[in-house]
Amino acid sequence: MARSVDWTAIEKLLVDQATTRLTAFAAAHPDEVFYGAIVDVEPYDGCSVRIHLNTEANLTKEYDGKPVPADDLFSRFLPGSFAYSLELSDSDKFPATAIEEMVEIDLEDADVDDDDPKTATYKLLEIACNVAFALEHGALTKLKRTDDFAFAVTRDPREPGEFSVARYAKFKKQLKAIRHSNPALIPKPKPGI
């Protein structure tokens, strides 16, 4: 029987880990300009979460000195070709074994696929999108970024980049719709503004 996990605590842990590591990373890489980041979730084999970061210079080097067009998301967002990778789930507080057990149970159910909101894989991807959103407006602002900086969220390092970029874009669109439809989620104006 798989143990239950506290998804809210997992999200907070990942945001905290990412914030700490990105802050140190930004200080160590003050002159590099980044075009993209990927939150990479491995739910199946040793459950883990990483954030990958890349620069145009590294991308060009990966493709034998040839620039990669901005609209070639497939090539631009493959985690294995990113220059930097920060592990977010290496804390003893991250319940990798419990999540992996839940994923295995989901895989045994023939009536369930990974895009079903009831699955552990879906929940982990949703948390990854929440983490990405928090970082995009938080710790990632400490990095030098291109004007067209993009974020992706993937559960498979072989997944075409356009799918992982679209997944995060869809999440942001849904989140904005929820925030606009619920007055309690609309930020209150600050005094003096």
Protein backbone atom coordinates (compact mmCIF):
# COMPACT_ATOMS: atom_id res chain seq x y z
CA MET A 1 0.00 0.00 0.00
CA ALA A 2 1.44 3.36 -1.02
CA ARG A 3 1.81 6.00 1.60
CA SER A 4 0.02 9.27 1.05
CA VAL A 5 2.03 12.42 0.56
CA ASP A 6 1.47 16.06 1.44
CA TRP A 7 1.53 17.69 -2.01
CA THR A 8 1.41 21.21 -0.53
CA ALA A 9 4.51 20.48 1.58
CA ILE A 10 6.28 19.02 -1.46
CA GLU A 11 5.56 22.16 -3.47
CA LYS A 12 6.85 24.40 -0.68
CA LEU A 13 9.98 22.28 -0.31
CA LEU A 14 10.71 22.43 -4.05
CA VAL A 15 10.14 26.21 -4.21
CA ASP A 16 12.40 26.72 -1.19
CA GLN A 17 15.14 24.45 -2.61
CA ALA A 18 14.93 26.12 -6.02
CA THR A 19 14.99 29.62 -4.55
CA THR A 20 18.08 28.86 -2.46
CA ARG A 21 19.92 27.18 -5.31
CA LEU A 22 18.96 29.71 -7.97
CA THR A 23 20.02 32.60 -5.75
CA ALA A 24 23.47 31.04 -5.31
CA PHE A 25 23.59 30.09 -9.01
CA ALA A 26 22.76 33.66 -10.12
CA ALA A 27 25.55 35.02 -7.92
CA ALA A 28 28.01 32.53 -9.46
CA HIS A 29 26.93 33.31 -13.07
CA PRO A 30 26.43 37.10 -13.15
CA ASP A 31 27.50 37.60 -16.77
CA GLU A 32 25.64 34.76 -18.47
CA VAL A 33 22.35 35.48 -20.25
CA PHE A 34 19.78 32.66 -20.15
CA TYR A 35 17.10 32.03 -22.77
CA GLY A 36 15.22 29.24 -21.01
CA ALA A 37 14.63 26.95 -18.09
CA ILE A 38 13.04 23.54 -17.74
CA VAL A 39 11.55 21.95 -14.65
CA ASP A 40 12.27 18.28 -15.31
CA VAL A 41 10.20 15.76 -13.34
CA GLU A 42 11.24 12.10 -13.25
CA PRO A 43 8.22 10.30 -11.73
CA TYR A 44 9.04 6.73 -12.77
CA ASP A 45 12.60 5.76 -11.98
CA GLY A 46 13.92 7.21 -8.75
CA CYS A 47 11.48 10.11 -8.46
CA SER A 48 13.29 13.44 -8.73
CA VAL A 49 12.83 17.06 -9.76
CA ARG A 50 15.49 19.26 -11.39
CA ILE A 51 15.67 22.66 -12.99
CA HIS A 52 17.80 23.05 -16.11
CA LEU A 53 19.08 26.39 -17.44
CA ASN A 54 20.66 27.24 -20.78
CA THR A 55 22.34 30.06 -22.66
CA GLU A 56 22.46 30.78 -26.39
CA ALA A 57 26.24 30.26 -26.29
CA ASN A 58 25.87 26.75 -24.89
CA LEU A 59 23.03 25.88 -27.28
CA THR A 60 25.12 26.98 -30.27
CA LYS A 61 28.05 24.92 -28.97
CA GLU A 62 25.78 21.85 -28.59
CA TYR A 63 24.79 22.19 -32.26
CA ASP A 64 28.37 22.37 -33.55
CA GLY A 65 28.51 26.16 -33.69
CA LYS A 66 25.26 26.57 -35.62
CA PRO A 67 22.69 28.98 -34.12
CA VAL A 68 19.31 27.42 -33.35
CA PRO A 69 16.33 29.52 -34.46
CA ALA A 70 14.11 30.90 -31.68
CA ASP A 71 11.08 29.07 -33.06
CA ASP A 72 12.81 25.65 -32.99
CA LEU A 73 11.47 24.73 -29.55
CA PHE A 74 12.19 21.05 -30.16
CA SER A 75 15.93 21.68 -30.20
CA ARG A 76 15.96 24.56 -27.74
CA PHE A 77 14.20 22.69 -24.91
CA LEU A 78 15.77 19.25 -24.65
CA PRO A 79 16.98 18.91 -21.02
CA GLY A 80 20.05 16.86 -21.95
CA SER A 81 21.50 19.71 -23.99
CA PHE A 82 21.12 22.32 -21.25
CA ALA A 83 24.35 23.58 -19.70
CA TYR A 84 23.26 23.67 -16.07
CA SER A 85 21.17 21.40 -13.89
CA LEU A 86 20.15 22.05 -10.29
CA GLU A 87 18.76 19.14 -8.25
CA LEU A 88 15.70 20.20 -6.25
CA SER A 89 14.56 16.91 -4.74
CA ASP A 90 17.73 15.72 -3.00
CA SER A 91 16.42 16.68 0.45
CA ASP A 92 15.57 13.93 2.94
CA LYS A 93 12.18 15.65 3.22
CA PHE A 94 11.31 14.88 -0.41
CA PRO A 95 9.19 11.67 -0.35
CA ALA A 96 10.61 10.14 -3.54
CA THR A 97 9.83 6.54 -2.57
CA ALA A 98 6.22 7.31 -1.61
CA ILE A 99 5.60 9.23 -4.85
CA GLU A 100 7.19 6.49 -6.94
CA GLU A 101 4.96 3.89 -5.22
CA MET A 102 1.91 6.00 -6.08
CA VAL A 103 3.06 6.31 -9.71
CA GLU A 104 3.51 2.54 -9.93
CA ILE A 105 -0.02 1.96 -8.63
CA ASP A 106 -1.34 4.40 -11.25
CA LEU A 107 0.58 2.56 -13.98
CA GLU A 108 -1.05 -0.73 -12.98
CA ASP A 109 -4.54 0.74 -13.55
CA ALA A 110 -5.39 0.24 -17.23
CA ASP A 111 -8.17 2.86 -17.04
CA VAL A 112 -5.86 5.70 -15.99
CA ASP A 113 -3.32 7.67 -18.01
CA ASP A 114 -0.73 10.24 -16.92
CA ASP A 115 -2.97 13.14 -17.92
CA ASP A 116 -5.66 12.07 -15.46
CA PRO A 117 -5.75 14.60 -12.58
CA LYS A 118 -6.13 11.74 -10.11
CA THR A 119 -2.67 10.34 -10.86
CA ALA A 120 0.52 11.03 -8.96
CA THR A 121 2.33 11.87 -12.22
CA TYR A 122 -0.25 14.55 -13.05
CA LYS A 123 -0.06 15.96 -9.52
CA LEU A 124 3.73 16.09 -9.67
CA LEU A 125 3.59 17.89 -13.04
CA GLU A 126 1.05 20.34 -11.61
CA ILE A 127 3.39 21.03 -8.69
CA ALA A 128 6.27 21.47 -11.14
CA CYS A 129 4.20 24.10 -12.98
CA ASN A 130 3.44 25.86 -9.68
CA VAL A 131 7.14 25.82 -8.84
CA ALA A 132 8.00 27.20 -12.29
CA PHE A 133 5.46 30.01 -11.85
CA ALA A 134 6.84 30.91 -8.41
CA LEU A 135 10.40 30.92 -9.74
CA GLU A 136 9.56 32.88 -12.87
CA HIS A 137 8.35 35.74 -10.70
CA GLY A 138 10.84 35.13 -7.90
CA ALA A 139 14.35 33.64 -7.88
CA LEU A 140 14.74 33.57 -11.69
CA THR A 141 14.53 37.36 -11.74
CA LYS A 142 18.03 37.34 -10.24
CA LEU A 143 19.41 35.86 -13.49
CA LYS A 144 20.15 37.83 -16.63
CA ARG A 145 17.51 36.64 -19.11
CA THR A 146 16.67 37.26 -22.73
CA ASP A 147 13.51 39.24 -23.48
CA ASP A 148 11.90 36.08 -24.85
CA PHE A 149 12.96 33.87 -21.91
CA ALA A 150 10.75 30.78 -21.84
CA PHE A 151 9.95 28.09 -19.32
CA ALA A 152 9.09 24.46 -19.92
CA VAL A 153 7.89 21.61 -17.70
CA THR A 154 8.53 18.01 -18.72
CA ARG A 155 8.17 14.50 -17.37
CA ASP A 156 10.41 12.96 -20.02
CA PRO A 157 13.79 14.34 -21.12
CA ARG A 158 13.08 13.02 -24.63
CA GLU A 159 9.80 14.92 -24.88
CA PRO A 160 9.83 17.42 -27.75
CA GLY A 161 10.45 20.93 -26.43
CA GLU A 162 7.32 22.36 -28.02
CA PHE A 163 5.20 20.02 -25.84
CA SER A 164 6.93 20.95 -22.60
CA VAL A 165 6.79 24.69 -23.38
CA ALA A 166 3.10 24.35 -24.33
CA ARG A 167 2.34 22.45 -21.10
CA TYR A 168 3.63 25.32 -18.99
CA ALA A 169 1.97 27.98 -21.17
CA LYS A 170 -1.37 26.15 -20.83
CA PHE A 171 -0.91 25.98 -17.05
CA LYS A 172 -0.18 29.73 -16.84
CA LYS A 173 -3.25 30.51 -18.95
CA GLN A 174 -5.45 28.36 -16.70
CA LEU A 175 -3.95 29.91 -13.57
CA LYS A 176 -4.59 33.43 -14.85
CA ALA A 177 -8.19 32.51 -15.71
CA ILE A 178 -8.73 31.13 -12.21
CA ARG A 179 -7.23 34.23 -10.62
CA HIS A 180 -9.38 36.56 -12.73
CA SER A 181 -12.56 34.61 -11.97
CA ASN A 182 -12.02 34.51 -8.21
CA PRO A 183 -11.95 37.94 -6.54
CA ALA A 184 -10.26 36.46 -3.44
CA LEU A 185 -7.19 35.65 -5.61
CA ILE A 186 -6.84 39.13 -7.14
CA PRO A 187 -3.99 40.92 -5.34
CA LYS A 188 -5.09 43.87 -3.24
CA PRO A 189 -3.60 47.24 -4.24
CA LYS A 190 -0.77 48.40 -2.02
CA PRO A 191 -1.16 51.71 -0.17
CA GLY A 192 0.26 54.65 -2.05
CA ILE A 193 -0.05 53.06 -5.47
